[in-house]
N, C-alpha and C. Protein backbone atom coordinates (compact mmCIF):
# COMPACT_ATOMS: atom_id res chain seq x y z
N UNK A 1 4.49 6.18 23.85
CA UNK A 1 3.27 6.92 23.12
C UNK A 1 2.61 5.90 22.10
N UNK A 2 1.14 5.85 22.26
CA UNK A 2 0.56 5.38 21.25
C UNK A 2 0.38 5.84 20.08
N UNK A 3 0.67 5.10 18.99
CA UNK A 3 0.25 5.79 17.72
C UNK A 3 -1.52 5.45 17.29
N UNK A 4 -1.75 6.59 16.25
CA UNK A 4 -3.36 6.49 16.04
C UNK A 4 -3.13 6.09 14.53
N UNK A 5 -4.29 6.11 14.01
CA UNK A 5 -4.38 6.15 12.23
C UNK A 5 -3.87 6.84 11.67
N UNK A 6 -4.27 8.34 12.27
CA UNK A 6 -3.33 9.47 11.92
C UNK A 6 -2.23 9.51 11.48
N UNK A 7 -1.32 8.72 12.40
CA UNK A 7 0.05 8.61 12.31
C UNK A 7 0.60 7.56 10.47
N UNK A 8 -0.69 6.79 10.15
CA UNK A 8 -0.39 6.63 8.77
C UNK A 8 -0.21 7.37 8.03
N UNK A 9 -0.55 9.09 8.10
CA UNK A 9 -0.17 9.86 7.02
C UNK A 9 1.49 10.08 6.94
N UNK A 10 2.35 9.64 7.96
CA UNK A 10 3.43 9.78 7.69
C UNK A 10 4.06 8.91 7.03
N UNK A 11 3.31 7.87 6.28
CA UNK A 11 4.08 6.93 5.33
C UNK A 11 4.01 7.24 4.07
N UNK A 12 4.61 7.16 3.77
CA UNK A 12 4.73 7.58 1.97
C UNK A 12 6.10 6.43 0.98
N UNK A 13 5.69 5.95 0.38
CA UNK A 13 6.39 5.32 -0.80
C UNK A 13 7.70 6.37 -1.66
N UNK A 14 8.71 6.31 -1.47
CA UNK A 14 9.91 6.78 -1.58
C UNK A 14 9.54 6.74 -3.38
N UNK A 15 10.45 7.45 -4.00
CA UNK A 15 10.73 7.40 -5.68
C UNK A 15 11.04 6.13 -5.86
N UNK A 16 12.12 5.63 -4.92
CA UNK A 16 12.58 4.95 -5.20
C UNK A 16 12.86 3.15 -4.49
N UNK A 17 11.78 3.34 -4.00
CA UNK A 17 10.99 1.96 -3.24
C UNK A 17 9.96 1.38 -4.12
N UNK A 18 10.40 -0.06 -4.20
CA UNK A 18 9.59 -0.96 -4.75
C UNK A 18 8.54 -0.77 -4.09
N UNK A 19 7.08 -1.35 -4.83
CA UNK A 19 5.67 -1.66 -4.23
C UNK A 19 5.68 -2.59 -2.97
N UNK A 20 6.69 -3.48 -2.90
CA UNK A 20 7.04 -4.55 -1.88
C UNK A 20 7.36 -4.24 -1.33
N UNK A 21 8.56 -3.42 -0.97
CA UNK A 21 8.94 -2.61 0.20
C UNK A 21 7.81 -1.94 0.59
N UNK A 22 7.46 -0.83 0.15
CA UNK A 22 6.55 -0.23 0.70
C UNK A 22 5.21 -0.93 1.30
N UNK A 23 4.56 -1.98 0.74
CA UNK A 23 3.62 -2.44 1.61
C UNK A 23 4.27 -3.17 2.57
N UNK A 24 5.55 -3.88 2.30
CA UNK A 24 6.11 -4.33 3.70
C UNK A 24 6.36 -3.18 5.04
N UNK A 25 6.48 -1.91 4.60
CA UNK A 25 6.55 -1.18 5.36
C UNK A 25 5.98 -0.98 5.98
N UNK A 26 4.68 -0.53 5.47
CA UNK A 26 3.35 0.33 5.77
C UNK A 26 2.77 -0.69 7.08
N UNK A 27 3.03 -2.14 6.45
CA UNK A 27 2.24 -3.33 7.05
C UNK A 27 3.03 -3.33 8.63
N UNK A 28 4.35 -3.14 8.52
CA UNK A 28 4.79 -3.11 9.89
C UNK A 28 4.55 -2.06 11.05
N UNK A 29 4.55 -0.98 10.20
CA UNK A 29 4.05 0.32 10.97
C UNK A 29 2.40 0.08 11.36
N UNK A 30 1.52 -0.40 10.58
CA UNK A 30 0.02 -0.95 10.97
C UNK A 30 -0.05 -1.52 12.32
N UNK A 31 1.00 -2.44 12.32
CA UNK A 31 0.34 -3.64 13.89
C UNK A 31 0.59 -2.60 14.68
N UNK A 32 1.32 -1.73 14.76
CA UNK A 32 1.60 -1.15 16.13
C UNK A 32 0.29 0.03 16.32
N UNK A 33 -0.59 -0.12 15.57
CA UNK A 33 -1.35 1.10 15.71
C UNK A 33 -3.07 0.06 16.07
N UNK A 34 -3.10 -0.24 17.64
CA UNK A 34 -4.20 -0.54 17.93
C UNK A 34 -5.38 -0.05 17.49
N UNK A 35 -6.51 -0.65 17.07
CA UNK A 35 -7.83 -0.34 16.45
C UNK A 35 -7.85 0.87 15.54
N UNK A 36 -6.95 0.30 14.53
CA UNK A 36 -6.69 1.27 13.06
C UNK A 36 -8.42 1.53 12.60
N UNK A 37 -8.29 2.75 12.33
CA UNK A 37 -10.02 2.47 10.90
C UNK A 37 -9.56 2.63 10.01
N UNK A 38 -10.39 1.68 9.44
CA UNK A 38 -10.18 0.71 8.00
C UNK A 38 -10.04 1.81 7.01
N UNK A 39 -10.81 2.50 6.83
CA UNK A 39 -11.04 3.23 5.71
C UNK A 39 -9.87 4.37 6.02
N UNK A 40 -9.39 4.77 6.93
CA UNK A 40 -7.93 5.75 7.06
C UNK A 40 -7.24 4.72 6.72
N UNK A 41 -7.11 3.54 6.93
CA UNK A 41 -5.78 2.77 6.37
C UNK A 41 -6.03 2.86 4.89
N UNK A 42 -6.97 2.67 4.04
CA UNK A 42 -7.03 2.55 2.87
C UNK A 42 -6.68 3.82 2.25
N UNK A 43 -7.41 4.77 2.93
CA UNK A 43 -6.92 6.19 2.22
C UNK A 43 -5.11 6.25 2.23
N UNK A 44 -4.93 6.20 3.22
CA UNK A 44 -3.31 6.65 3.68
C UNK A 44 -2.54 5.97 2.85
N UNK A 45 -2.73 4.34 2.63
CA UNK A 45 -2.26 3.72 2.08
C UNK A 45 -2.04 3.94 0.40
N UNK A 46 -3.24 4.29 -0.24
CA UNK A 46 -3.16 4.21 -1.63
C UNK A 46 -2.68 5.95 -1.72
N UNK A 47 -3.38 6.76 -0.90
CA UNK A 47 -2.47 8.05 -1.27
C UNK A 47 -1.14 7.85 -1.21
N UNK A 48 -0.47 7.30 0.11
CA UNK A 48 0.92 7.33 -0.07
C UNK A 48 2.08 6.55 -1.02
N UNK A 49 1.50 6.23 -2.05
CA UNK A 49 1.73 5.20 -3.52
C UNK A 49 2.40 6.59 -4.19
N UNK A 50 3.39 6.72 -5.24
CA UNK A 50 3.97 7.26 -5.80
C UNK A 50 3.22 6.83 -7.17
N UNK A 51 3.00 7.94 -8.37
CA UNK A 51 2.43 7.56 -9.32
C UNK A 51 2.96 6.61 -10.17
N UNK A 52 2.49 5.80 -10.68
CA UNK A 52 2.73 4.68 -11.85
C UNK A 52 1.92 3.56 -12.08
N UNK A 53 2.47 2.60 -12.67
CA UNK A 53 1.20 1.47 -13.14
C UNK A 53 0.72 0.85 -11.52
N UNK A 54 1.39 0.51 -10.73
CA UNK A 54 0.87 -0.13 -9.53
C UNK A 54 -0.17 0.75 -8.80
N UNK A 55 0.10 2.17 -8.48
CA UNK A 55 -0.66 3.09 -8.27
C UNK A 55 -2.20 3.47 -9.03
N UNK A 56 -2.15 3.23 -10.18
CA UNK A 56 -3.07 3.35 -11.16
C UNK A 56 -4.07 1.64 -11.09
N UNK A 57 -3.62 0.78 -10.87
CA UNK A 57 -3.93 -0.70 -10.45
C UNK A 57 -4.59 -0.60 -9.25
N UNK A 58 -4.05 -0.22 -8.17
CA UNK A 58 -4.54 -0.02 -6.90
C UNK A 58 -6.00 0.68 -6.66
N UNK A 59 -5.78 1.71 -7.45
CA UNK A 59 -6.93 3.13 -7.91
C UNK A 59 -8.03 2.59 -8.65
N UNK A 60 -8.05 1.77 -9.56
CA UNK A 60 -9.18 1.64 -10.39
C UNK A 60 -10.22 0.53 -9.40
N UNK A 61 -11.37 1.23 -9.80
CA UNK A 61 -12.24 0.21 -8.33
C UNK A 61 -11.74 0.19 -7.41
N UNK A 62 -11.75 1.84 -6.85
CA UNK A 62 -11.10 1.74 -5.40
C UNK A 62 -11.78 0.82 -4.72
N UNK A 63 -11.04 0.19 -3.31
CA UNK A 63 -11.02 -0.71 -2.65
C UNK A 63 -12.03 0.03 -1.57
N UNK A 64 -12.88 -1.14 -0.83
CA UNK A 64 -14.08 -0.43 -0.18
C UNK A 64 -13.61 -0.86 1.26
N UNK A 65 -13.16 -1.96 1.45
CA UNK A 65 -12.58 -2.79 2.74
C UNK A 65 -11.29 -3.49 2.27
N UNK A 66 -10.71 -3.65 3.74
CA UNK A 66 -9.36 -4.17 3.59
C UNK A 66 -8.69 -5.02 2.55
N UNK A 67 -10.18 -6.33 2.50
CA UNK A 67 -9.69 -7.59 2.06
C UNK A 67 -8.98 -7.18 0.58
N UNK A 68 -9.72 -6.40 -0.11
CA UNK A 68 -10.30 -5.79 -1.71
C UNK A 68 -8.44 -5.31 -1.78
N UNK A 69 -8.39 -4.57 -0.87
CA UNK A 69 -7.35 -3.37 -1.03
C UNK A 69 -5.92 -4.38 -1.33
N UNK A 70 -5.54 -5.45 -0.19
CA UNK A 70 -4.57 -6.30 -0.37
C UNK A 70 -4.85 -7.26 -1.30
N UNK A 71 -5.69 -7.72 -1.63
CA UNK A 71 -5.89 -8.84 -3.07
C UNK A 71 -5.32 -8.05 -4.00
N UNK A 72 -6.04 -6.58 -4.21
CA UNK A 72 -5.26 -5.76 -5.23
C UNK A 72 -4.06 -5.39 -5.39
N UNK A 73 -3.30 -5.18 -3.77
CA UNK A 73 -1.75 -5.12 -4.07
C UNK A 73 -1.15 -6.43 -4.25
N UNK A 74 -1.58 -7.53 -3.83
CA UNK A 74 -1.30 -8.59 -4.06
C UNK A 74 -0.69 -9.08 -5.61
N UNK A 75 -2.03 -8.82 -6.44
CA UNK A 75 -1.95 -8.95 -7.47
C UNK A 75 -0.92 -8.03 -8.23
N UNK A 76 -0.89 -6.61 -7.79
CA UNK A 76 0.16 -5.76 -8.60
C UNK A 76 1.26 -6.29 -8.19
N UNK A 77 1.75 -6.79 -7.11
CA UNK A 77 3.24 -6.83 -6.70
C UNK A 77 3.42 -8.41 -7.70
N UNK A 78 2.56 -9.35 -7.71
CA UNK A 78 2.88 -10.72 -8.72
C UNK A 78 2.86 -10.15 -10.05
N UNK A 79 2.58 -8.88 -10.77
CA UNK A 79 2.43 -8.15 -12.04
C UNK A 79 3.99 -7.46 -11.93
N UNK A 80 4.38 -7.18 -10.71
CA UNK A 80 5.43 -6.10 -10.91
C UNK A 80 6.54 -7.14 -11.20
N UNK A 81 6.61 -8.29 -10.12
CA UNK A 81 7.48 -9.25 -10.40
C UNK A 81 7.53 -9.91 -11.79
N UNK A 82 6.19 -9.97 -12.36
CA UNK A 82 6.11 -11.08 -13.56
C UNK A 82 7.05 -9.73 -14.46
N UNK A 83 6.94 -9.05 -14.61
CA UNK A 83 7.52 -7.03 -15.48
C UNK A 83 8.93 -7.56 -14.87
N UNK A 84 9.84 -7.95 -14.03
CA UNK A 84 11.01 -7.59 -13.95
C UNK A 84 11.29 -8.84 -14.41
N UNK A 85 10.74 -10.06 -14.26
CA UNK A 85 11.63 -11.32 -15.32
C UNK A 85 11.25 -11.14 -16.51
N UNK A 86 10.78 -10.54 -16.55
CA UNK A 86 10.50 -10.32 -18.61
C UNK A 86 11.60 -9.39 -18.89
N UNK A 87 12.02 -8.83 -18.23
CA UNK A 87 12.92 -7.88 -18.42
C UNK A 87 14.31 -8.33 -17.84
N UNK A 88 14.75 -9.29 -17.64
CA UNK A 88 15.92 -9.65 -17.18
C UNK A 88 16.36 -10.74 -18.58
């Protein structure tokens, strides 16, 4: 069975899942979807995020292309890692 962009709607971040884990899981699923619609990918990724600082940062100036999304995600994960290191 071939997956389509609509499959992305099934991918949600769990409340106990780190942004890094969600991104990795989303990416692993996305490579199995040939010719995915880029706007659907952006919308489903951002809508799958749980509320919080990471979600807010990604939604600030909503990304229009995948490159913008992944740059924001990378920066957000780096900030999360930095905050975790500060707490330790």
